[in-house]
């Protein structure tokens, strides 16, 4: 089945999320993950992974649901627990330790054992969200079909971020990501990669395409490495970003 996400745990194990389940690679062999006796993952393929320093692995599933593997125990969440339905598109943890999940139907955060869906009362329009991320300053960013929204650290409501984007007005960013220096970058078809905010969260004075690409899909950053831009054609482009200081 198609591989959708890769993540490395603190123990060095590589986890592979695929349409046919969850797999792990210890450096020697690949194995399908089998839950401990009497426990089970949700019966949907794995789509998104988030490994945490406490060894917990969070898994977002196709169709619906989130699973957590931690110290031999599997915990699952679904719509009955307040999680919006639809495929889980991303999972993030903020500076206070709260876990967030975006889905094809909404945005939510985990409050105890219940998920709290964020809607207009929280300053967010709801609906399809991809992705949700936390920047180095502790602000939560979410990309909806209506635009980019930010929950500043310590704030209680999301605010829509007015972003100067390249290209036609009305067309929206398709992906956002945080670079190691804390700056925020967006991907927009058919233009390419551009900066949304600097390391202090300030918007640039003018839109500028850092790398032109007519079919960009997303961008990935790793500390100490260049950016990797993916394309809907399957192409990978490794590039060094302009100075964001």
C-alpha atoms as a PDB file:
ATOM      1  CA  UNK A   1       0.000   0.000   0.000  1.00  0.00           C
ATOM      2  CA  UNK A   2       0.999   3.631  -0.450  1.00  0.00           C
ATOM      3  CA  UNK A   3       3.327   5.022   2.237  1.00  0.00           C
ATOM      4  CA  UNK A   4       1.868   8.251   3.643  1.00  0.00           C
ATOM      5  CA  UNK A   5       4.220   9.277   6.449  1.00  0.00           C
ATOM      6  CA  UNK A   6       7.545   8.411   8.111  1.00  0.00           C
ATOM      7  CA  UNK A   7       8.670   9.213  11.647  1.00  0.00           C
ATOM      8  CA  UNK A   8      11.564   8.183  13.883  1.00  0.00           C
ATOM      9  CA  UNK A   9      10.981   7.507  17.565  1.00  0.00           C
ATOM     10  CA  UNK A  10      13.399   8.500  20.326  1.00  0.00           C
ATOM     11  CA  UNK A  11      14.600   4.880  20.420  1.00  0.00           C
ATOM     12  CA  UNK A  12      15.666   5.122  16.776  1.00  0.00           C
ATOM     13  CA  UNK A  13      12.888   2.924  15.377  1.00  0.00           C
ATOM     14  CA  UNK A  14      11.537   4.160  12.042  1.00  0.00           C
ATOM     15  CA  UNK A  15       7.729   4.087  11.821  1.00  0.00           C
ATOM     16  CA  UNK A  16       5.949   3.849   8.484  1.00  0.00           C
ATOM     17  CA  UNK A  17       2.317   4.895   8.034  1.00  0.00           C
ATOM     18  CA  UNK A  18       0.680   3.205   5.073  1.00  0.00           C
ATOM     19  CA  UNK A  19      -2.746   2.506   3.657  1.00  0.00           C
ATOM     20  CA  UNK A  20      -2.346  -1.100   4.799  1.00  0.00           C
ATOM     21  CA  UNK A  21      -1.374  -0.405   8.382  1.00  0.00           C
ATOM     22  CA  UNK A  22       1.508   0.608  10.612  1.00  0.00           C
ATOM     23  CA  UNK A  23       5.012  -0.799  10.073  1.00  0.00           C
ATOM     24  CA  UNK A  24       8.322  -0.412  11.907  1.00  0.00           C
ATOM     25  CA  UNK A  25      11.974  -0.734  10.870  1.00  0.00           C
ATOM     26  CA  UNK A  26      14.687  -1.332  13.475  1.00  0.00           C
ATOM     27  CA  UNK A  27      17.613  -0.998  11.062  1.00  0.00           C
ATOM     28  CA  UNK A  28      17.556  -4.682  10.124  1.00  0.00           C
ATOM     29  CA  UNK A  29      14.028  -5.728   9.250  1.00  0.00           C
ATOM     30  CA  UNK A  30      10.594  -4.344   8.508  1.00  0.00           C
ATOM     31  CA  UNK A  31       7.680  -5.659  10.556  1.00  0.00           C
ATOM     32  CA  UNK A  32       3.987  -4.903  10.709  1.00  0.00           C
ATOM     33  CA  UNK A  33       3.123  -3.499  14.130  1.00  0.00           C
ATOM     34  CA  UNK A  34       0.912  -5.861  16.113  1.00  0.00           C
ATOM     35  CA  UNK A  35      -0.763  -4.426  19.235  1.00  0.00           C
ATOM     36  CA  UNK A  36      -0.372  -6.277  22.539  1.00  0.00           C
ATOM     37  CA  UNK A  37      -2.887  -9.080  23.211  1.00  0.00           C
ATOM     38  CA  UNK A  38      -6.353  -7.756  23.957  1.00  0.00           C
ATOM     39  CA  UNK A  39      -5.662  -4.369  22.330  1.00  0.00           C
ATOM     40  CA  UNK A  40      -6.189  -3.087  18.810  1.00  0.00           C
ATOM     41  CA  UNK A  41      -5.518  -0.159  16.544  1.00  0.00           C
ATOM     42  CA  UNK A  42      -8.408   1.404  14.698  1.00  0.00           C
ATOM     43  CA  UNK A  43      -9.240  -0.643  11.579  1.00  0.00           C
ATOM     44  CA  UNK A  44      -8.136   2.079   9.163  1.00  0.00           C
ATOM     45  CA  UNK A  45      -4.811   2.683   7.472  1.00  0.00           C
ATOM     46  CA  UNK A  46      -2.268   4.946   9.161  1.00  0.00           C
ATOM     47  CA  UNK A  47      -1.956   8.382   7.572  1.00  0.00           C
ATOM     48  CA  UNK A  48      -0.081  10.737   9.953  1.00  0.00           C
ATOM     49  CA  UNK A  49       2.538  10.063  12.675  1.00  0.00           C
ATOM     50  CA  UNK A  50       3.780  12.162  15.586  1.00  0.00           C
ATOM     51  CA  UNK A  51       6.470  10.642  17.859  1.00  0.00           C
ATOM     52  CA  UNK A  52       6.995  12.460  21.165  1.00  0.00           C
ATOM     53  CA  UNK A  53      10.009  12.553  23.525  1.00  0.00           C
ATOM     54  CA  UNK A  54       8.094  10.530  26.157  1.00  0.00           C
ATOM     55  CA  UNK A  55       8.133   7.618  23.617  1.00  0.00           C
ATOM     56  CA  UNK A  56       4.428   8.010  22.767  1.00  0.00           C
ATOM     57  CA  UNK A  57       3.527   7.618  19.096  1.00  0.00           C
ATOM     58  CA  UNK A  58       0.391   9.408  17.892  1.00  0.00           C
ATOM     59  CA  UNK A  59      -1.260   8.029  14.758  1.00  0.00           C
ATOM     60  CA  UNK A  60      -3.856   9.754  12.607  1.00  0.00           C
ATOM     61  CA  UNK A  61      -5.946   7.392  10.502  1.00  0.00           C
ATOM     62  CA  UNK A  62      -7.661   7.425   7.157  1.00  0.00           C
ATOM     63  CA  UNK A  63     -11.462   7.775   7.299  1.00  0.00           C
ATOM     64  CA  UNK A  64     -11.456   8.743  10.993  1.00  0.00           C
ATOM     65  CA  UNK A  65      -9.716   8.375  14.320  1.00  0.00           C
ATOM     66  CA  UNK A  66      -6.506   8.823  16.310  1.00  0.00           C
ATOM     67  CA  UNK A  67      -4.520   6.102  18.101  1.00  0.00           C
ATOM     68  CA  UNK A  68      -1.772   6.507  20.711  1.00  0.00           C
ATOM     69  CA  UNK A  69       0.900   3.896  21.437  1.00  0.00           C
ATOM     70  CA  UNK A  70       2.634   4.406  24.755  1.00  0.00           C
ATOM     71  CA  UNK A  71       4.509   1.913  26.904  1.00  0.00           C
ATOM     72  CA  UNK A  72       2.651  -1.115  25.619  1.00  0.00           C
ATOM     73  CA  UNK A  73      -0.805   0.442  25.741  1.00  0.00           C
ATOM     74  CA  UNK A  74      -3.018   1.483  22.820  1.00  0.00           C
ATOM     75  CA  UNK A  75      -5.554   4.285  23.317  1.00  0.00           C
ATOM     76  CA  UNK A  76      -7.970   5.204  20.531  1.00  0.00           C
ATOM     77  CA  UNK A  77     -10.153   8.247  19.891  1.00  0.00           C
ATOM     78  CA  UNK A  78     -12.998   8.730  17.438  1.00  0.00           C
ATOM     79  CA  UNK A  79     -16.016  10.900  16.784  1.00  0.00           C
ATOM     80  CA  UNK A  80     -17.657   9.579  19.962  1.00  0.00           C
ATOM     81  CA  UNK A  81     -14.815  11.309  21.834  1.00  0.00           C
ATOM     82  CA  UNK A  82     -15.444  14.645  20.113  1.00  0.00           C
ATOM     83  CA  UNK A  83     -12.873  14.254  17.331  1.00  0.00           C
ATOM     84  CA  UNK A  84     -14.128  15.665  14.004  1.00  0.00           C
ATOM     85  CA  UNK A  85     -14.787  12.968  11.420  1.00  0.00           C
ATOM     86  CA  UNK A  86     -12.796  12.492   8.244  1.00  0.00           C
ATOM     87  CA  UNK A  87      -9.170  11.590   7.537  1.00  0.00           C
ATOM     88  CA  UNK A  88      -6.705  12.987  10.076  1.00  0.00           C
ATOM     89  CA  UNK A  89      -4.396  15.315   8.117  1.00  0.00           C
ATOM     90  CA  UNK A  90      -1.931  16.340  10.863  1.00  0.00           C
ATOM     91  CA  UNK A  91      -1.222  16.133  14.597  1.00  0.00           C
ATOM     92  CA  UNK A  92       0.779  18.628  16.675  1.00  0.00           C
ATOM     93  CA  UNK A  93       1.559  19.337  20.336  1.00  0.00           C
ATOM     94  CA  UNK A  94       1.743  22.907  21.614  1.00  0.00           C
ATOM     95  CA  UNK A  95       4.036  24.462  24.241  1.00  0.00           C
ATOM     96  CA  UNK A  96       1.547  23.672  27.023  1.00  0.00           C
ATOM     97  CA  UNK A  97       1.487  19.983  26.086  1.00  0.00           C
ATOM     98  CA  UNK A  98      -1.944  20.081  24.440  1.00  0.00           C
ATOM     99  CA  UNK A  99      -2.339  17.815  21.414  1.00  0.00           C
ATOM    100  CA  UNK A 100      -4.096  19.182  18.311  1.00  0.00           C
ATOM    101  CA  UNK A 101      -5.484  17.302  15.325  1.00  0.00           C
ATOM    102  CA  UNK A 102      -6.677  18.560  11.962  1.00  0.00           C
ATOM    103  CA  UNK A 103      -9.011  16.512   9.772  1.00  0.00           C
ATOM    104  CA  UNK A 104     -10.811  16.815   6.489  1.00  0.00           C
ATOM    105  CA  UNK A 105     -13.810  17.990   8.519  1.00  0.00           C
ATOM    106  CA  UNK A 106     -12.368  20.197  11.232  1.00  0.00           C
ATOM    107  CA  UNK A 107      -9.811  21.164  13.877  1.00  0.00           C
ATOM    108  CA  UNK A 108      -9.744  19.992  17.502  1.00  0.00           C
ATOM    109  CA  UNK A 109      -7.596  19.849  20.641  1.00  0.00           C
ATOM    110  CA  UNK A 110      -7.528  17.163  23.298  1.00  0.00           C
ATOM    111  CA  UNK A 111      -8.846  18.238  26.697  1.00  0.00           C
ATOM    112  CA  UNK A 112      -8.442  15.354  29.110  1.00  0.00           C
ATOM    113  CA  UNK A 113     -10.096  12.381  27.402  1.00  0.00           C
ATOM    114  CA  UNK A 114     -12.336  14.507  25.177  1.00  0.00           C
ATOM    115  CA  UNK A 115     -11.574  16.383  21.989  1.00  0.00           C
ATOM    116  CA  UNK A 116     -12.800  19.959  21.768  1.00  0.00           C
ATOM    117  CA  UNK A 117     -13.681  20.976  18.203  1.00  0.00           C
ATOM    118  CA  UNK A 118     -12.678  24.539  17.367  1.00  0.00           C
ATOM    119  CA  UNK A 119     -15.279  26.568  15.476  1.00  0.00           C
ATOM    120  CA  UNK A 120     -16.512  30.135  15.054  1.00  0.00           C
ATOM    121  CA  UNK A 121     -16.765  30.614  18.840  1.00  0.00           C
ATOM    122  CA  UNK A 122     -13.003  30.080  18.934  1.00  0.00           C
ATOM    123  CA  UNK A 123     -12.323  32.335  15.970  1.00  0.00           C
ATOM    124  CA  UNK A 124     -11.894  29.458  13.510  1.00  0.00           C
ATOM    125  CA  UNK A 125     -14.213  28.746  10.549  1.00  0.00           C
ATOM    126  CA  UNK A 126     -14.022  24.961  10.841  1.00  0.00           C
ATOM    127  CA  UNK A 127     -14.189  22.520   7.946  1.00  0.00           C
ATOM    128  CA  UNK A 128     -11.314  21.012   5.988  1.00  0.00           C
ATOM    129  CA  UNK A 129      -8.010  21.750   7.750  1.00  0.00           C
ATOM    130  CA  UNK A 130      -4.491  20.800   6.634  1.00  0.00           C
ATOM    131  CA  UNK A 131      -2.204  21.172   8.431  1.00  0.00           C
ATOM    132  CA  UNK A 132      -2.099  22.333  12.056  1.00  0.00           C
ATOM    133  CA  UNK A 133       1.365  23.185  13.385  1.00  0.00           C
ATOM    134  CA  UNK A 134       3.067  24.858  16.354  1.00  0.00           C
ATOM    135  CA  UNK A 135       5.865  27.335  15.712  1.00  0.00           C
ATOM    136  CA  UNK A 136       8.959  27.946  17.844  1.00  0.00           C
ATOM    137  CA  UNK A 137       7.205  30.765  19.721  1.00  0.00           C
ATOM    138  CA  UNK A 138       4.346  28.470  20.785  1.00  0.00           C
ATOM    139  CA  UNK A 139       1.720  29.851  18.386  1.00  0.00           C
ATOM    140  CA  UNK A 140      -0.684  27.381  16.755  1.00  0.00           C
ATOM    141  CA  UNK A 141      -1.194  27.767  12.993  1.00  0.00           C
ATOM    142  CA  UNK A 142      -4.012  26.146  11.025  1.00  0.00           C
ATOM    143  CA  UNK A 143      -4.707  26.236   7.293  1.00  0.00           C
ATOM    144  CA  UNK A 144      -8.377  26.143   6.314  1.00  0.00           C
ATOM    145  CA  UNK A 145     -10.090  26.551   2.970  1.00  0.00           C
ATOM    146  CA  UNK A 146     -10.837  30.114   4.130  1.00  0.00           C
ATOM    147  CA  UNK A 147      -7.223  31.080   4.802  1.00  0.00           C
ATOM    148  CA  UNK A 148      -4.493  30.908   7.454  1.00  0.00           C
ATOM    149  CA  UNK A 149      -5.408  31.249  11.145  1.00  0.00           C
ATOM    150  CA  UNK A 150      -3.135  31.714  14.168  1.00  0.00           C
ATOM    151  CA  UNK A 151      -3.712  31.166  17.884  1.00  0.00           C
ATOM    152  CA  UNK A 152      -0.976  33.162  19.576  1.00  0.00           C
ATOM    153  CA  UNK A 153       0.566  31.635  22.686  1.00  0.00           C
ATOM    154  CA  UNK A 154      -1.647  32.503  25.656  1.00  0.00           C
ATOM    155  CA  UNK A 155      -4.552  33.687  23.482  1.00  0.00           C
ATOM    156  CA  UNK A 156      -8.058  32.205  23.619  1.00  0.00           C
ATOM    157  CA  UNK A 157      -9.174  32.821  20.028  1.00  0.00           C
ATOM    158  CA  UNK A 158      -7.726  32.241  16.587  1.00  0.00           C
ATOM    159  CA  UNK A 159      -7.131  35.259  14.385  1.00  0.00           C
ATOM    160  CA  UNK A 160      -7.086  35.199  10.595  1.00  0.00           C
ATOM    161  CA  UNK A 161      -3.644  36.088   9.308  1.00  0.00           C
ATOM    162  CA  UNK A 162      -3.558  38.503   6.387  1.00  0.00           C
ATOM    163  CA  UNK A 163      -0.851  37.025   4.206  1.00  0.00           C
ATOM    164  CA  UNK A 164       0.734  38.664   1.201  1.00  0.00           C
ATOM    165  CA  UNK A 165       0.821  35.774  -1.232  1.00  0.00           C
ATOM    166  CA  UNK A 166       2.265  35.591  -4.734  1.00  0.00           C
ATOM    167  CA  UNK A 167      -0.053  35.152  -7.677  1.00  0.00           C
ATOM    168  CA  UNK A 168      -3.742  35.677  -8.212  1.00  0.00           C
ATOM    169  CA  UNK A 169      -5.957  37.035  -5.494  1.00  0.00           C
ATOM    170  CA  UNK A 170      -8.432  34.492  -4.175  1.00  0.00           C
ATOM    171  CA  UNK A 171      -6.151  31.486  -4.688  1.00  0.00           C
ATOM    172  CA  UNK A 172      -4.988  30.072  -1.353  1.00  0.00           C
ATOM    173  CA  UNK A 173      -1.919  28.382   0.048  1.00  0.00           C
ATOM    174  CA  UNK A 174      -2.057  24.587  -0.135  1.00  0.00           C
ATOM    175  CA  UNK A 175       0.402  23.846   2.680  1.00  0.00           C
ATOM    176  CA  UNK A 176       2.255  25.628   5.486  1.00  0.00           C
ATOM    177  CA  UNK A 177       5.285  24.501   7.481  1.00  0.00           C
ATOM    178  CA  UNK A 178       7.639  25.816  10.152  1.00  0.00           C
ATOM    179  CA  UNK A 179      11.370  26.006   9.427  1.00  0.00           C
ATOM    180  CA  UNK A 180      13.974  25.238  12.140  1.00  0.00           C
ATOM    181  CA  UNK A 181      14.595  28.974  12.677  1.00  0.00           C
ATOM    182  CA  UNK A 182      10.897  29.501  13.490  1.00  0.00           C
ATOM    183  CA  UNK A 183       9.874  31.139  10.214  1.00  0.00           C
ATOM    184  CA  UNK A 184       6.680  29.971   8.496  1.00  0.00           C
ATOM    185  CA  UNK A 185       6.587  29.000   4.817  1.00  0.00           C
ATOM    186  CA  UNK A 186       3.738  28.341   2.428  1.00  0.00           C
ATOM    187  CA  UNK A 187       3.297  26.352  -0.754  1.00  0.00           C
ATOM    188  CA  UNK A 188       0.932  27.606  -3.421  1.00  0.00           C
ATOM    189  CA  UNK A 189       0.072  26.244  -6.836  1.00  0.00           C
ATOM    190  CA  UNK A 190       1.000  27.185  -9.507  1.00  0.00           C
ATOM    191  CA  UNK A 191       3.617  29.521  -8.019  1.00  0.00           C
ATOM    192  CA  UNK A 192       5.853  27.673  -5.570  1.00  0.00           C
ATOM    193  CA  UNK A 193       7.375  28.237  -2.131  1.00  0.00           C
ATOM    194  CA  UNK A 194       7.117  31.555  -0.309  1.00  0.00           C
ATOM    195  CA  UNK A 195       7.630  32.947   3.198  1.00  0.00           C
ATOM    196  CA  UNK A 196       4.567  33.739   5.321  1.00  0.00           C
ATOM    197  CA  UNK A 197       6.257  34.981   8.507  1.00  0.00           C
ATOM    198  CA  UNK A 198       9.752  35.435   9.890  1.00  0.00           C
ATOM    199  CA  UNK A 199      11.090  33.884  13.108  1.00  0.00           C
ATOM    200  CA  UNK A 200       9.316  36.571  15.168  1.00  0.00           C
ATOM    201  CA  UNK A 201       5.989  35.910  13.462  1.00  0.00           C
ATOM    202  CA  UNK A 202       6.068  39.105  11.382  1.00  0.00           C
ATOM    203  CA  UNK A 203       4.822  39.065   7.806  1.00  0.00           C
ATOM    204  CA  UNK A 204       7.252  40.035   5.030  1.00  0.00           C
ATOM    205  CA  UNK A 205       6.728  43.438   3.442  1.00  0.00           C
ATOM    206  CA  UNK A 206       6.154  41.906   0.020  1.00  0.00           C
ATOM    207  CA  UNK A 207       5.394  38.498  -1.436  1.00  0.00           C
ATOM    208  CA  UNK A 208       8.422  36.838  -2.959  1.00  0.00           C
ATOM    209  CA  UNK A 209       8.674  33.331  -4.398  1.00  0.00           C
ATOM    210  CA  UNK A 210      11.700  31.571  -2.875  1.00  0.00           C
ATOM    211  CA  UNK A 211      11.442  28.705  -5.362  1.00  0.00           C
ATOM    212  CA  UNK A 212       9.152  28.649  -8.385  1.00  0.00           C
ATOM    213  CA  UNK A 213       7.268  25.413  -9.067  1.00  0.00           C
ATOM    214  CA  UNK A 214       3.993  25.052 -10.932  1.00  0.00           C
ATOM    215  CA  UNK A 215       2.948  21.836  -9.132  1.00  0.00           C
ATOM    216  CA  UNK A 216       4.227  22.040  -5.527  1.00  0.00           C
ATOM    217  CA  UNK A 217       2.550  19.786  -2.973  1.00  0.00           C
ATOM    218  CA  UNK A 218       4.291  20.421   0.346  1.00  0.00           C
ATOM    219  CA  UNK A 219       7.544  21.343   2.047  1.00  0.00           C
ATOM    220  CA  UNK A 220       9.445  19.550   4.816  1.00  0.00           C
ATOM    221  CA  UNK A 221      12.187  20.896   7.094  1.00  0.00           C
ATOM    222  CA  UNK A 222      14.716  19.115   9.275  1.00  0.00           C
ATOM    223  CA  UNK A 223      17.124  20.799  11.652  1.00  0.00           C
ATOM    224  CA  UNK A 224      20.542  21.147  10.050  1.00  0.00           C
ATOM    225  CA  UNK A 225      19.275  20.207   6.599  1.00  0.00           C
ATOM    226  CA  UNK A 226      17.903  22.146   3.630  1.00  0.00           C
ATOM    227  CA  UNK A 227      14.224  22.305   2.781  1.00  0.00           C
ATOM    228  CA  UNK A 228      12.674  19.513   0.712  1.00  0.00           C
ATOM    229  CA  UNK A 229       9.884  20.555  -1.636  1.00  0.00           C
ATOM    230  CA  UNK A 230       7.592  17.807  -2.918  1.00  0.00           C
ATOM    231  CA  UNK A 231       5.565  17.990  -6.113  1.00  0.00           C
ATOM    232  CA  UNK A 232       2.303  16.382  -7.196  1.00  0.00           C
ATOM    233  CA  UNK A 233       4.368  14.808  -9.997  1.00  0.00           C
ATOM    234  CA  UNK A 234       6.466  12.914  -7.425  1.00  0.00           C
ATOM    235  CA  UNK A 235       9.503  15.156  -7.871  1.00  0.00           C
ATOM    236  CA  UNK A 236      11.660  16.134  -4.869  1.00  0.00           C
ATOM    237  CA  UNK A 237      13.619  19.393  -4.819  1.00  0.00           C
ATOM    238  CA  UNK A 238      16.239  20.033  -2.127  1.00  0.00           C
ATOM    239  CA  UNK A 239      16.968  23.721  -1.656  1.00  0.00           C
ATOM    240  CA  UNK A 240      18.601  26.163   0.707  1.00  0.00           C
ATOM    241  CA  UNK A 241      16.297  28.929   1.902  1.00  0.00           C
ATOM    242  CA  UNK A 242      17.181  32.615   1.703  1.00  0.00           C
ATOM    243  CA  UNK A 243      18.427  34.195   4.926  1.00  0.00           C
ATOM    244  CA  UNK A 244      15.455  34.757   7.276  1.00  0.00           C
ATOM    245  CA  UNK A 245      17.301  36.626   9.986  1.00  0.00           C
END
